[in-house]
Amino acid sequence: MYLIFISSLNENVKLANRIKNKLEESNKEVEIINLVHLNLPMYDTIKEQNDGIPQAALELAEKMKKAKGYIFVSPEYNFNVPPVLVNFIAWISRIGENFRALFSLKTIQLATHSGSNGKDFMNSTRNQFTKLGAIVAPREIITTYSLGIEEDELKTILDEYIYIGK
């Protein structure tokens, strides 16, 4: 099972669906999770102490434990990572004794549809996921309003991603 995490609506949802369809053509089991729809409260230590970890984050952590890898589809937000993704990582890293547990040795594919080229998002998340112990695929999936991605190129990138996780 591969989990596709989306950090926005609109064009990134379309890109996530293309990725999902391409993986399913290769007989991979895939689930899309839109982080916007999770409605996780903004992380802070007082909230965690008073209310505990949100049930949605706990349920998602169980799916993540069973997943073979993750694909993050996100726009670049003010030359960085969207707050909804940062917040998700904050909550998920608080589950269990080891903050790296849900990322360590998981393969991650980065993808973006951004108004710019999304490189700042890619660099920032690549750095964070690597430090969390993940194996981040070397090639990225990037689309903009003026630059698409051909189906054969998308398939090649995803095939390489799957190969890394074997």
Protein backbone atom coordinates (compact mmCIF):
# COMPACT_ATOMS: atom_id res chain seq x y z
CA MET A 1 0.00 0.00 0.00
CA TYR A 2 1.23 3.46 -0.93
CA LEU A 3 -0.19 6.57 0.70
CA ILE A 4 -0.48 9.78 -1.30
CA PHE A 5 -0.66 12.85 0.94
CA ILE A 6 -2.04 16.03 -0.58
CA SER A 7 -1.40 19.39 1.09
CA SER A 8 -3.88 21.49 -0.85
CA LEU A 9 -6.84 21.45 -3.17
CA ASN A 10 -7.34 22.01 -6.91
CA GLU A 11 -4.33 21.33 -9.17
CA ASN A 12 -2.45 19.20 -6.65
CA VAL A 13 -5.52 16.98 -6.25
CA LYS A 14 -5.54 16.48 -10.03
CA LEU A 15 -1.82 15.61 -9.97
CA ALA A 16 -2.35 13.19 -7.07
CA ASN A 17 -5.12 11.46 -8.99
CA ARG A 18 -2.85 11.09 -12.02
CA ILE A 19 -0.18 9.56 -9.82
CA LYS A 20 -2.70 7.24 -8.19
CA ASN A 21 -4.02 6.08 -11.58
CA LYS A 22 -0.50 5.47 -12.88
CA LEU A 23 0.40 3.39 -9.81
CA GLU A 24 -2.83 1.41 -10.07
CA GLU A 25 -1.97 0.63 -13.70
CA SER A 26 1.12 -1.09 -12.23
CA ASN A 27 -1.13 -3.05 -9.86
CA LYS A 28 -0.14 -1.06 -6.78
CA GLU A 29 -2.60 -0.45 -3.97
CA VAL A 30 -2.91 3.28 -3.33
CA GLU A 31 -4.86 5.58 -1.03
CA ILE A 32 -5.11 9.35 -1.24
CA ILE A 33 -5.27 11.34 1.98
CA ASN A 34 -5.92 15.06 1.76
CA LEU A 35 -4.32 16.67 4.80
CA VAL A 36 -6.60 19.70 4.43
CA HIS A 37 -9.63 17.50 5.09
CA LEU A 38 -8.11 16.05 8.29
CA ASN A 39 -8.62 19.38 10.04
CA LEU A 40 -5.85 18.71 12.54
CA PRO A 41 -5.60 21.42 15.19
CA MET A 42 -2.46 23.55 15.06
CA TYR A 43 0.20 21.68 17.02
CA ASP A 44 1.49 23.01 20.30
CA THR A 45 2.77 21.23 23.40
CA ILE A 46 0.05 22.60 25.69
CA LYS A 47 -2.67 21.34 23.33
CA GLU A 48 -0.99 17.93 23.25
CA GLN A 49 -0.71 17.83 27.07
CA ASN A 50 -4.34 18.87 27.57
CA ASP A 51 -6.08 17.03 24.73
CA GLY A 52 -3.65 14.35 23.61
CA ILE A 53 -2.92 13.47 20.01
CA PRO A 54 -5.97 13.88 17.74
CA GLN A 55 -7.74 10.66 16.81
CA ALA A 56 -7.34 11.44 13.10
CA ALA A 57 -3.55 11.54 13.52
CA LEU A 58 -3.55 8.26 15.48
CA GLU A 59 -5.64 6.52 12.82
CA LEU A 60 -3.40 7.87 10.08
CA ALA A 61 -0.30 6.67 11.94
CA GLU A 62 -1.68 3.11 11.82
CA LYS A 63 -2.05 3.36 8.04
CA MET A 64 1.45 4.79 7.77
CA LYS A 65 2.94 1.88 9.72
CA LYS A 66 1.50 -0.56 7.17
CA ALA A 67 2.34 1.51 4.06
CA LYS A 68 5.24 0.61 1.82
CA GLY A 69 5.92 4.25 1.00
CA TYR A 70 4.54 7.76 0.81
CA ILE A 71 4.04 10.28 -1.94
CA PHE A 72 3.69 13.92 -0.96
CA VAL A 73 1.87 16.14 -3.46
CA SER A 74 2.02 19.72 -2.38
CA PRO A 75 2.30 23.24 -3.71
CA GLU A 76 5.08 25.54 -2.71
CA TYR A 77 3.70 28.03 -0.21
CA ASN A 78 5.58 31.34 0.07
CA PHE A 79 8.76 29.59 -1.14
CA ASN A 80 8.43 26.79 1.41
CA VAL A 81 6.19 24.05 2.82
CA PRO A 82 2.44 24.62 3.29
CA PRO A 83 1.42 24.99 6.95
CA VAL A 84 -0.95 22.01 6.73
CA LEU A 85 1.97 19.71 5.87
CA VAL A 86 4.23 21.15 8.58
CA ASN A 87 1.42 20.68 11.11
CA PHE A 88 0.81 17.09 9.98
CA ILE A 89 4.50 16.21 10.39
CA ALA A 90 4.52 17.85 13.84
CA TRP A 91 1.59 15.73 15.07
CA ILE A 92 2.78 12.49 13.46
CA SER A 93 6.26 12.88 14.92
CA ARG A 94 4.76 13.03 18.44
CA ILE A 95 3.25 9.55 18.23
CA GLY A 96 5.27 6.89 20.04
CA GLU A 97 8.71 6.95 21.63
CA ASN A 98 10.71 7.65 18.45
CA PHE A 99 9.78 10.81 16.53
CA ARG A 100 11.32 9.31 13.37
CA ALA A 101 9.44 6.00 13.57
CA LEU A 102 6.81 6.67 10.89
CA PHE A 103 9.39 8.00 8.42
CA SER A 104 12.49 5.91 9.08
CA LEU A 105 13.42 3.87 5.99
CA LYS A 106 10.12 4.67 4.23
CA THR A 107 10.48 5.61 0.59
CA ILE A 108 9.11 9.03 -0.29
CA GLN A 109 8.30 10.53 -3.68
CA LEU A 110 7.93 14.30 -3.87
CA ALA A 111 5.50 15.92 -6.31
CA THR A 112 4.22 19.43 -6.79
CA HIS A 113 1.99 21.60 -8.90
CA SER A 114 3.13 25.11 -8.08
CA GLY A 115 2.83 28.55 -9.55
CA SER A 116 6.62 28.67 -9.60
CA ASN A 117 8.83 25.64 -10.08
CA GLY A 118 8.35 24.24 -6.56
CA LYS A 119 12.09 23.83 -5.97
CA ASP A 120 12.09 25.51 -2.56
CA PHE A 121 9.34 23.14 -1.39
CA MET A 122 11.26 20.18 -2.81
CA ASN A 123 14.54 21.19 -1.16
CA SER A 124 12.95 21.88 2.22
CA THR A 125 10.92 18.66 2.40
CA ARG A 126 13.76 16.55 1.00
CA ASN A 127 15.98 17.86 3.80
CA GLN A 128 13.36 17.28 6.51
CA PHE A 129 12.32 13.80 5.36
CA THR A 130 15.95 12.74 5.01
CA LYS A 131 16.68 13.88 8.56
CA LEU A 132 13.60 11.94 9.69
CA GLY A 133 15.26 8.84 8.24
CA ALA A 134 13.28 8.45 5.01
CA ILE A 135 14.68 7.47 1.63
CA VAL A 136 13.61 10.26 -0.73
CA ALA A 137 13.48 9.42 -4.43
CA PRO A 138 16.05 11.41 -6.43
CA ARG A 139 13.66 12.48 -9.20
CA GLU A 140 10.76 14.81 -8.53
CA ILE A 141 7.39 15.24 -10.20
CA ILE A 142 6.94 18.91 -11.04
CA THR A 143 4.14 20.62 -12.90
CA THR A 144 3.23 24.29 -13.19
CA TYR A 145 0.50 26.18 -15.01
CA SER A 146 2.77 26.32 -18.07
CA LEU A 147 4.67 23.04 -17.67
CA GLY A 148 3.03 19.63 -17.55
CA ILE A 149 4.44 16.15 -17.30
CA GLU A 150 4.05 13.56 -20.02
CA GLU A 151 2.49 10.22 -19.13
CA ASP A 152 5.60 8.22 -20.06
CA GLU A 153 7.84 10.46 -17.93
CA LEU A 154 5.42 10.18 -14.99
CA LYS A 155 5.46 6.39 -15.34
CA THR A 156 9.26 6.30 -15.47
CA ILE A 157 9.61 8.41 -12.31
CA LEU A 158 7.07 6.28 -10.45
CA ASP A 159 8.68 3.04 -11.65
CA GLU A 160 12.02 4.29 -10.30
CA TYR A 161 10.36 5.22 -7.01
CA ILE A 162 8.83 1.73 -6.69
CA TYR A 163 12.20 0.15 -7.53
CA ILE A 164 13.94 2.09 -4.74
CA GLY A 165 11.50 0.68 -2.20
CA LYS A 166 12.01 -2.99 -3.11
